[in-house]
Amino acid sequence: MIVQFFSRANCPLCVEGLQTLKLVQEDVTFDIEIVNIEEDDYIHEKYMLMIPVVEKDGVIIQYGNLDYPTLMEHLGS
């Protein structure tokens, strides 16, 4: 399973969110694809006010303040 993590440089909330996602990854097997929203105009426009964003199979799992229980609920099943 591949989980996309949308973020950008100099985003403290993104750093914290990635740490939370990696904690979930310790309990559930998946790969993280980190996407810098500043490298694609469409993605930047779509997610610039939402980052960090976690997406699986094109569906947003969570954005903004990421938390372990919500991520685990969606990625653990």
PDB file of N, CA and C in Angstrom:
ATOM      1  N   MET A   1       0.849  -1.166   0.000  1.00  0.00           N
ATOM      2  CA  MET A   1       0.000   0.000   0.000  1.00  0.00           C
ATOM      3  C   MET A   1       0.901   1.239   0.000  1.00  0.00           C
ATOM      4  N   ILE A   2       0.518   2.218  -0.790  1.00  0.00           N
ATOM      5  CA  ILE A   2       1.238   3.488  -0.850  1.00  0.00           C
ATOM      6  C   ILE A   2       0.328   4.587  -0.327  1.00  0.00           C
ATOM      7  N   VAL A   3       0.866   5.380   0.595  1.00  0.00           N
ATOM      8  CA  VAL A   3       0.147   6.506   1.165  1.00  0.00           C
ATOM      9  C   VAL A   3       0.882   7.771   0.727  1.00  0.00           C
ATOM     10  N   GLN A   4       0.144   8.720   0.193  1.00  0.00           N
ATOM     11  CA  GLN A   4       0.754   9.976  -0.225  1.00  0.00           C
ATOM     12  C   GLN A   4       0.658  10.992   0.904  1.00  0.00           C
ATOM     13  N   PHE A   5       1.764  11.689   1.110  1.00  0.00           N
ATOM     14  CA  PHE A   5       1.855  12.727   2.130  1.00  0.00           C
ATOM     15  C   PHE A   5       2.196  14.030   1.422  1.00  0.00           C
ATOM     16  N   PHE A   6       1.238  14.945   1.377  1.00  0.00           N
ATOM     17  CA  PHE A   6       1.422  16.221   0.695  1.00  0.00           C
ATOM     18  C   PHE A   6       1.888  17.263   1.696  1.00  0.00           C
ATOM     19  N   SER A   7       3.000  17.938   1.364  1.00  0.00           N
ATOM     20  CA  SER A   7       3.551  18.941   2.263  1.00  0.00           C
ATOM     21  C   SER A   7       4.365  19.943   1.452  1.00  0.00           C
ATOM     22  N   ARG A   8       5.063  20.816   2.158  1.00  0.00           N
ATOM     23  CA  ARG A   8       5.981  21.752   1.515  1.00  0.00           C
ATOM     24  C   ARG A   8       7.101  22.057   2.494  1.00  0.00           C
ATOM     25  N   ALA A   9       8.147  22.687   2.007  1.00  0.00           N
ATOM     26  CA  ALA A   9       9.280  23.055   2.856  1.00  0.00           C
ATOM     27  C   ALA A   9       8.847  24.129   3.854  1.00  0.00           C
ATOM     28  N   ASN A  10       9.556  24.199   4.959  1.00  0.00           N
ATOM     29  CA  ASN A  10       9.323  25.212   5.997  1.00  0.00           C
ATOM     30  C   ASN A  10       7.894  25.180   6.542  1.00  0.00           C
ATOM     31  N   CYS A  11       7.403  23.980   6.791  1.00  0.00           N
ATOM     32  CA  CYS A  11       6.053  23.787   7.317  1.00  0.00           C
ATOM     33  C   CYS A  11       6.157  22.952   8.597  1.00  0.00           C
ATOM     34  N   PRO A  12       6.192  23.601   9.762  1.00  0.00           N
ATOM     35  CA  PRO A  12       6.321  22.854  11.026  1.00  0.00           C
ATOM     36  C   PRO A  12       5.198  21.836  11.239  1.00  0.00           C
ATOM     37  N   LEU A  13       3.981  22.169  10.827  1.00  0.00           N
ATOM     38  CA  LEU A  13       2.868  21.236  10.972  1.00  0.00           C
ATOM     39  C   LEU A  13       3.092  19.993  10.108  1.00  0.00           C
ATOM     40  N   CYS A  14       3.750  20.166   8.962  1.00  0.00           N
ATOM     41  CA  CYS A  14       4.055  19.034   8.083  1.00  0.00           C
ATOM     42  C   CYS A  14       5.092  18.112   8.730  1.00  0.00           C
ATOM     43  N   VAL A  15       6.088  18.684   9.370  1.00  0.00           N
ATOM     44  CA  VAL A  15       7.108  17.884  10.060  1.00  0.00           C
ATOM     45  C   VAL A  15       6.447  17.045  11.151  1.00  0.00           C
ATOM     46  N   GLU A  16       5.595  17.677  11.923  1.00  0.00           N
ATOM     47  CA  GLU A  16       4.872  16.977  12.991  1.00  0.00           C
ATOM     48  C   GLU A  16       3.957  15.901  12.415  1.00  0.00           C
ATOM     49  N   GLY A  17       3.277  16.223  11.317  1.00  0.00           N
ATOM     50  CA  GLY A  17       2.375  15.268  10.683  1.00  0.00           C
ATOM     51  C   GLY A  17       3.098  14.054  10.148  1.00  0.00           C
ATOM     52  N   LEU A  18       4.279  14.278   9.558  1.00  0.00           N
ATOM     53  CA  LEU A  18       5.055  13.156   9.034  1.00  0.00           C
ATOM     54  C   LEU A  18       5.517  12.254  10.170  1.00  0.00           C
ATOM     55  N   GLN A  19       5.882  12.827  11.295  1.00  0.00           N
ATOM     56  CA  GLN A  19       6.262  12.019  12.460  1.00  0.00           C
ATOM     57  C   GLN A  19       5.098  11.152  12.913  1.00  0.00           C
ATOM     58  N   THR A  20       3.901  11.718  12.932  1.00  0.00           N
ATOM     59  CA  THR A  20       2.710  10.962  13.327  1.00  0.00           C
ATOM     60  C   THR A  20       2.444   9.834  12.333  1.00  0.00           C
ATOM     61  N   LEU A  21       2.563  10.134  11.036  1.00  0.00           N
ATOM     62  CA  LEU A  21       2.352   9.109  10.011  1.00  0.00           C
ATOM     63  C   LEU A  21       3.373   7.988  10.144  1.00  0.00           C
ATOM     64  N   LYS A  22       4.604   8.332  10.472  1.00  0.00           N
ATOM     65  CA  LYS A  22       5.642   7.310  10.648  1.00  0.00           C
ATOM     66  C   LYS A  22       5.385   6.452  11.884  1.00  0.00           C
ATOM     67  N   LEU A  23       4.751   7.020  12.902  1.00  0.00           N
ATOM     68  CA  LEU A  23       4.364   6.213  14.067  1.00  0.00           C
ATOM     69  C   LEU A  23       3.340   5.157  13.668  1.00  0.00           C
ATOM     70  N   VAL A  24       2.391   5.540  12.835  1.00  0.00           N
ATOM     71  CA  VAL A  24       1.393   4.578  12.339  1.00  0.00           C
ATOM     72  C   VAL A  24       2.095   3.513  11.496  1.00  0.00           C
ATOM     73  N   GLN A  25       3.083   3.946  10.714  1.00  0.00           N
ATOM     74  CA  GLN A  25       3.817   3.023   9.844  1.00  0.00           C
ATOM     75  C   GLN A  25       4.558   1.953  10.652  1.00  0.00           C
ATOM     76  N   GLU A  26       4.855   2.212  11.904  1.00  0.00           N
ATOM     77  CA  GLU A  26       5.490   1.202  12.756  1.00  0.00           C
ATOM     78  C   GLU A  26       4.529   0.054  13.058  1.00  0.00           C
ATOM     79  N   ASP A  27       3.223   0.321  12.997  1.00  0.00           N
ATOM     80  CA  ASP A  27       2.216  -0.692  13.321  1.00  0.00           C
ATOM     81  C   ASP A  27       1.497  -1.252  12.094  1.00  0.00           C
ATOM     82  N   VAL A  28       1.559  -0.535  10.984  1.00  0.00           N
ATOM     83  CA  VAL A  28       0.884  -0.948   9.743  1.00  0.00           C
ATOM     84  C   VAL A  28       1.899  -0.833   8.606  1.00  0.00           C
ATOM     85  N   THR A  29       1.932  -1.834   7.746  1.00  0.00           N
ATOM     86  CA  THR A  29       2.884  -1.817   6.639  1.00  0.00           C
ATOM     87  C   THR A  29       2.344  -1.005   5.472  1.00  0.00           C
ATOM     88  N   PHE A  30       3.055   0.069   5.117  1.00  0.00           N
ATOM     89  CA  PHE A  30       2.760   0.868   3.943  1.00  0.00           C
ATOM     90  C   PHE A  30       3.968   1.725   3.612  1.00  0.00           C
ATOM     91  N   ASP A  31       4.024   2.179   2.372  1.00  0.00           N
ATOM     92  CA  ASP A  31       5.076   3.075   1.932  1.00  0.00           C
ATOM     93  C   ASP A  31       4.534   4.495   1.902  1.00  0.00           C
ATOM     94  N   ILE A  32       5.388   5.453   2.230  1.00  0.00           N
ATOM     95  CA  ILE A  32       5.006   6.857   2.215  1.00  0.00           C
ATOM     96  C   ILE A  32       5.639   7.522   0.989  1.00  0.00           C
ATOM     97  N   GLU A  33       4.800   8.112   0.160  1.00  0.00           N
ATOM     98  CA  GLU A  33       5.277   8.904  -0.963  1.00  0.00           C
ATOM     99  C   GLU A  33       5.103  10.369  -0.575  1.00  0.00           C
ATOM    100  N   ILE A  34       6.209  11.066  -0.387  1.00  0.00           N
ATOM    101  CA  ILE A  34       6.162  12.470   0.015  1.00  0.00           C
ATOM    102  C   ILE A  34       6.072  13.328  -1.239  1.00  0.00           C
ATOM    103  N   VAL A  35       5.042  14.166  -1.292  1.00  0.00           N
ATOM    104  CA  VAL A  35       4.800  15.031  -2.448  1.00  0.00           C
ATOM    105  C   VAL A  35       4.931  16.482  -1.999  1.00  0.00           C
ATOM    106  N   ASN A  36       5.861  17.207  -2.624  1.00  0.00           N
ATOM    107  CA  ASN A  36       6.037  18.636  -2.354  1.00  0.00           C
ATOM    108  C   ASN A  36       5.032  19.392  -3.211  1.00  0.00           C
ATOM    109  N   ILE A  37       4.068  20.023  -2.586  1.00  0.00           N
ATOM    110  CA  ILE A  37       2.997  20.691  -3.343  1.00  0.00           C
ATOM    111  C   ILE A  37       3.516  21.851  -4.175  1.00  0.00           C
ATOM    112  N   GLU A  38       4.690  22.369  -3.842  1.00  0.00           N
ATOM    113  CA  GLU A  38       5.237  23.511  -4.572  1.00  0.00           C
ATOM    114  C   GLU A  38       5.844  23.113  -5.917  1.00  0.00           C
ATOM    115  N   GLU A  39       5.905  21.819  -6.208  1.00  0.00           N
ATOM    116  CA  GLU A  39       6.466  21.355  -7.474  1.00  0.00           C
ATOM    117  C   GLU A  39       5.406  21.145  -8.546  1.00  0.00           C
ATOM    118  N   ASP A  40       4.136  21.326  -8.198  1.00  0.00           N
ATOM    119  CA  ASP A  40       3.053  21.119  -9.153  1.00  0.00           C
ATOM    120  C   ASP A  40       1.971  22.173  -8.900  1.00  0.00           C
ATOM    121  N   ASP A  41       1.694  22.999  -9.893  1.00  0.00           N
ATOM    122  CA  ASP A  41       0.736  24.096  -9.717  1.00  0.00           C
ATOM    123  C   ASP A  41      -0.654  23.607  -9.333  1.00  0.00           C
ATOM    124  N   TYR A  42      -1.113  22.514  -9.958  1.00  0.00           N
ATOM    125  CA  TYR A  42      -2.450  21.991  -9.657  1.00  0.00           C
ATOM    126  C   TYR A  42      -2.531  21.521  -8.207  1.00  0.00           C
ATOM    127  N   ILE A  43      -1.548  20.735  -7.792  1.00  0.00           N
ATOM    128  CA  ILE A  43      -1.538  20.216  -6.420  1.00  0.00           C
ATOM    129  C   ILE A  43      -1.386  21.361  -5.426  1.00  0.00           C
ATOM    130  N   HIS A  44      -0.563  22.338  -5.766  1.00  0.00           N
ATOM    131  CA  HIS A  44      -0.380  23.487  -4.888  1.00  0.00           C
ATOM    132  C   HIS A  44      -1.703  24.220  -4.675  1.00  0.00           C
ATOM    133  N   GLU A  45      -2.412  24.471  -5.756  1.00  0.00           N
ATOM    134  CA  GLU A  45      -3.708  25.157  -5.676  1.00  0.00           C
ATOM    135  C   GLU A  45      -4.711  24.340  -4.853  1.00  0.00           C
ATOM    136  N   LYS A  46      -4.687  23.027  -5.049  1.00  0.00           N
ATOM    137  CA  LYS A  46      -5.642  22.136  -4.393  1.00  0.00           C
ATOM    138  C   LYS A  46      -5.410  22.034  -2.879  1.00  0.00           C
ATOM    139  N   TYR A  47      -4.136  21.960  -2.461  1.00  0.00           N
ATOM    140  CA  TYR A  47      -3.827  21.634  -1.071  1.00  0.00           C
ATOM    141  C   TYR A  47      -3.139  22.741  -0.272  1.00  0.00           C
ATOM    142  N   MET A  48      -2.890  23.908  -0.848  1.00  0.00           N
ATOM    143  CA  MET A  48      -2.054  24.901  -0.166  1.00  0.00           C
ATOM    144  C   MET A  48      -2.580  25.328   1.201  1.00  0.00           C
ATOM    145  N   LEU A  49      -3.879  25.321   1.407  1.00  0.00           N
ATOM    146  CA  LEU A  49      -4.431  25.718   2.702  1.00  0.00           C
ATOM    147  C   LEU A  49      -4.730  24.535   3.616  1.00  0.00           C
ATOM    148  N   MET A  50      -4.447  23.322   3.137  1.00  0.00           N
ATOM    149  CA  MET A  50      -4.814  22.116   3.887  1.00  0.00           C
ATOM    150  C   MET A  50      -3.613  21.366   4.470  1.00  0.00           C
ATOM    151  N   ILE A  51      -2.421  21.596   3.950  1.00  0.00           N
ATOM    152  CA  ILE A  51      -1.282  20.743   4.296  1.00  0.00           C
ATOM    153  C   ILE A  51      -1.001  20.717   5.790  1.00  0.00           C
ATOM    154  N   PRO A  52      -0.500  19.587   6.260  1.00  0.00           N
ATOM    155  CA  PRO A  52      -0.231  18.370   5.518  1.00  0.00           C
ATOM    156  C   PRO A  52      -1.505  17.600   5.196  1.00  0.00           C
ATOM    157  N   VAL A  53      -1.432  16.834   4.107  1.00  0.00           N
ATOM    158  CA  VAL A  53      -2.569  16.028   3.670  1.00  0.00           C
ATOM    159  C   VAL A  53      -2.094  14.592   3.499  1.00  0.00           C
ATOM    160  N   VAL A  54      -2.857  13.645   4.029  1.00  0.00           N
ATOM    161  CA  VAL A  54      -2.584  12.221   3.840  1.00  0.00           C
ATOM    162  C   VAL A  54      -3.675  11.666   2.945  1.00  0.00           C
ATOM    163  N   GLU A  55      -3.245  11.006   1.882  1.00  0.00           N
ATOM    164  CA  GLU A  55      -4.182  10.485   0.890  1.00  0.00           C
ATOM    165  C   GLU A  55      -3.847   9.023   0.594  1.00  0.00           C
ATOM    166  N   LYS A  56      -4.883   8.216   0.443  1.00  0.00           N
ATOM    167  CA  LYS A  56      -4.709   6.803   0.072  1.00  0.00           C
ATOM    168  C   LYS A  56      -5.687   6.503  -1.056  1.00  0.00           C
ATOM    169  N   ASP A  57      -5.187   5.978  -2.160  1.00  0.00           N
ATOM    170  CA  ASP A  57      -6.011   5.630  -3.323  1.00  0.00           C
ATOM    171  C   ASP A  57      -6.842   6.822  -3.805  1.00  0.00           C
ATOM    172  N   GLY A  58      -6.241   8.024  -3.748  1.00  0.00           N
ATOM    173  CA  GLY A  58      -6.923   9.209  -4.233  1.00  0.00           C
ATOM    174  C   GLY A  58      -7.953   9.796  -3.286  1.00  0.00           C
ATOM    175  N   VAL A  59      -8.064   9.233  -2.082  1.00  0.00           N
ATOM    176  CA  VAL A  59      -9.035   9.700  -1.097  1.00  0.00           C
ATOM    177  C   VAL A  59      -8.283  10.329   0.077  1.00  0.00           C
ATOM    178  N   ILE A  60      -8.690  11.534   0.468  1.00  0.00           N
ATOM    179  CA  ILE A  60      -8.060  12.195   1.608  1.00  0.00           C
ATOM    180  C   ILE A  60      -8.452  11.470   2.893  1.00  0.00           C
ATOM    181  N   ILE A  61      -7.445  11.051   3.638  1.00  0.00           N
ATOM    182  CA  ILE A  61      -7.658  10.378   4.920  1.00  0.00           C
ATOM    183  C   ILE A  61      -7.758  11.419   6.036  1.00  0.00           C
ATOM    184  N   GLN A  62      -6.837  12.380   6.008  1.00  0.00           N
ATOM    185  CA  GLN A  62      -6.829  13.429   7.022  1.00  0.00           C
ATOM    186  C   GLN A  62      -5.948  14.567   6.537  1.00  0.00           C
ATOM    187  N   TYR A  63      -6.218  15.779   7.039  1.00  0.00           N
ATOM    188  CA  TYR A  63      -5.377  16.931   6.704  1.00  0.00           C
ATOM    189  C   TYR A  63      -5.293  17.877   7.886  1.00  0.00           C
ATOM    190  N   GLY A  64      -4.303  18.768   7.834  1.00  0.00           N
ATOM    191  CA  GLY A  64      -4.110  19.709   8.935  1.00  0.00           C
ATOM    192  C   GLY A  64      -3.428  19.034  10.103  1.00  0.00           C
ATOM    193  N   ASN A  65      -4.050  19.078  11.247  1.00  0.00           N
ATOM    194  CA  ASN A  65      -3.505  18.412  12.440  1.00  0.00           C
ATOM    195  C   ASN A  65      -3.773  16.914  12.352  1.00  0.00           C
ATOM    196  N   LEU A  66      -2.731  16.155  12.042  1.00  0.00           N
ATOM    197  CA  LEU A  66      -2.871  14.704  11.903  1.00  0.00           C
ATOM    198  C   LEU A  66      -2.802  14.057  13.278  1.00  0.00           C
ATOM    199  N   ASP A  67      -3.613  13.023  13.479  1.00  0.00           N
ATOM    200  CA  ASP A  67      -3.569  12.306  14.750  1.00  0.00           C
ATOM    201  C   ASP A  67      -3.521  10.805  14.504  1.00  0.00           C
ATOM    202  N   TYR A  68      -2.846  10.123  15.420  1.00  0.00           N
ATOM    203  CA  TYR A  68      -2.629   8.684  15.303  1.00  0.00           C
ATOM    204  C   TYR A  68      -3.942   7.889  15.199  1.00  0.00           C
ATOM    205  N   PRO A  69      -4.929   8.125  16.072  1.00  0.00           N
ATOM    206  CA  PRO A  69      -6.152   7.294  16.007  1.00  0.00           C
ATOM    207  C   PRO A  69      -6.867   7.367  14.656  1.00  0.00           C
ATOM    208  N   THR A  70      -6.982   8.556  14.084  1.00  0.00           N
ATOM    209  CA  THR A  70      -7.677   8.687  12.800  1.00  0.00           C
ATOM    210  C   THR A  70      -6.898   8.002  11.691  1.00  0.00           C
ATOM    211  N   LEU A  71      -5.585   8.226  11.649  1.00  0.00           N
ATOM    212  CA  LEU A  71      -4.765   7.587  10.624  1.00  0.00           C
ATOM    213  C   LEU A  71      -4.801   6.080  10.772  1.00  0.00           C
ATOM    214  N   MET A  72      -4.702   5.598  11.980  1.00  0.00           N
ATOM    215  CA  MET A  72      -4.719   4.151  12.234  1.00  0.00           C
ATOM    216  C   MET A  72      -6.054   3.541  11.824  1.00  0.00           C
ATOM    217  N   GLU A  73      -7.138   4.243  12.092  1.00  0.00           N
ATOM    218  CA  GLU A  73      -8.466   3.745  11.732  1.00  0.00           C
ATOM    219  C   GLU A  73      -8.576   3.526  10.218  1.00  0.00           C
ATOM    220  N   HIS A  74      -8.028   4.438   9.445  1.00  0.00           N
ATOM    221  CA  HIS A  74      -8.157   4.358   7.987  1.00  0.00           C
ATOM    222  C   HIS A  74      -7.076   3.509   7.321  1.00  0.00           C
ATOM    223  N   LEU A  75      -5.904   3.479   7.896  1.00  0.00           N
ATOM    224  CA  LEU A  75      -4.798   2.756   7.265  1.00  0.00           C
ATOM    225  C   LEU A  75      -4.611   1.357   7.834  1.00  0.00           C
ATOM    226  N   GLY A  76      -5.145   1.105   9.006  1.00  0.00           N
ATOM    227  CA  GLY A  76      -4.960  -0.185   9.644  1.00  0.00           C
ATOM    228  C   GLY A  76      -5.932  -1.252   9.199  1.00  0.00           C
ATOM    229  N   SER A  77      -6.949  -0.865   8.441  1.00  0.00           N
ATOM    230  CA  SER A  77      -7.930  -1.879   8.034  1.00  0.00           C
ATOM    231  C   SER A  77      -7.793  -2.237   6.580  1.00  0.00           C
TER     232      SER A  77
END
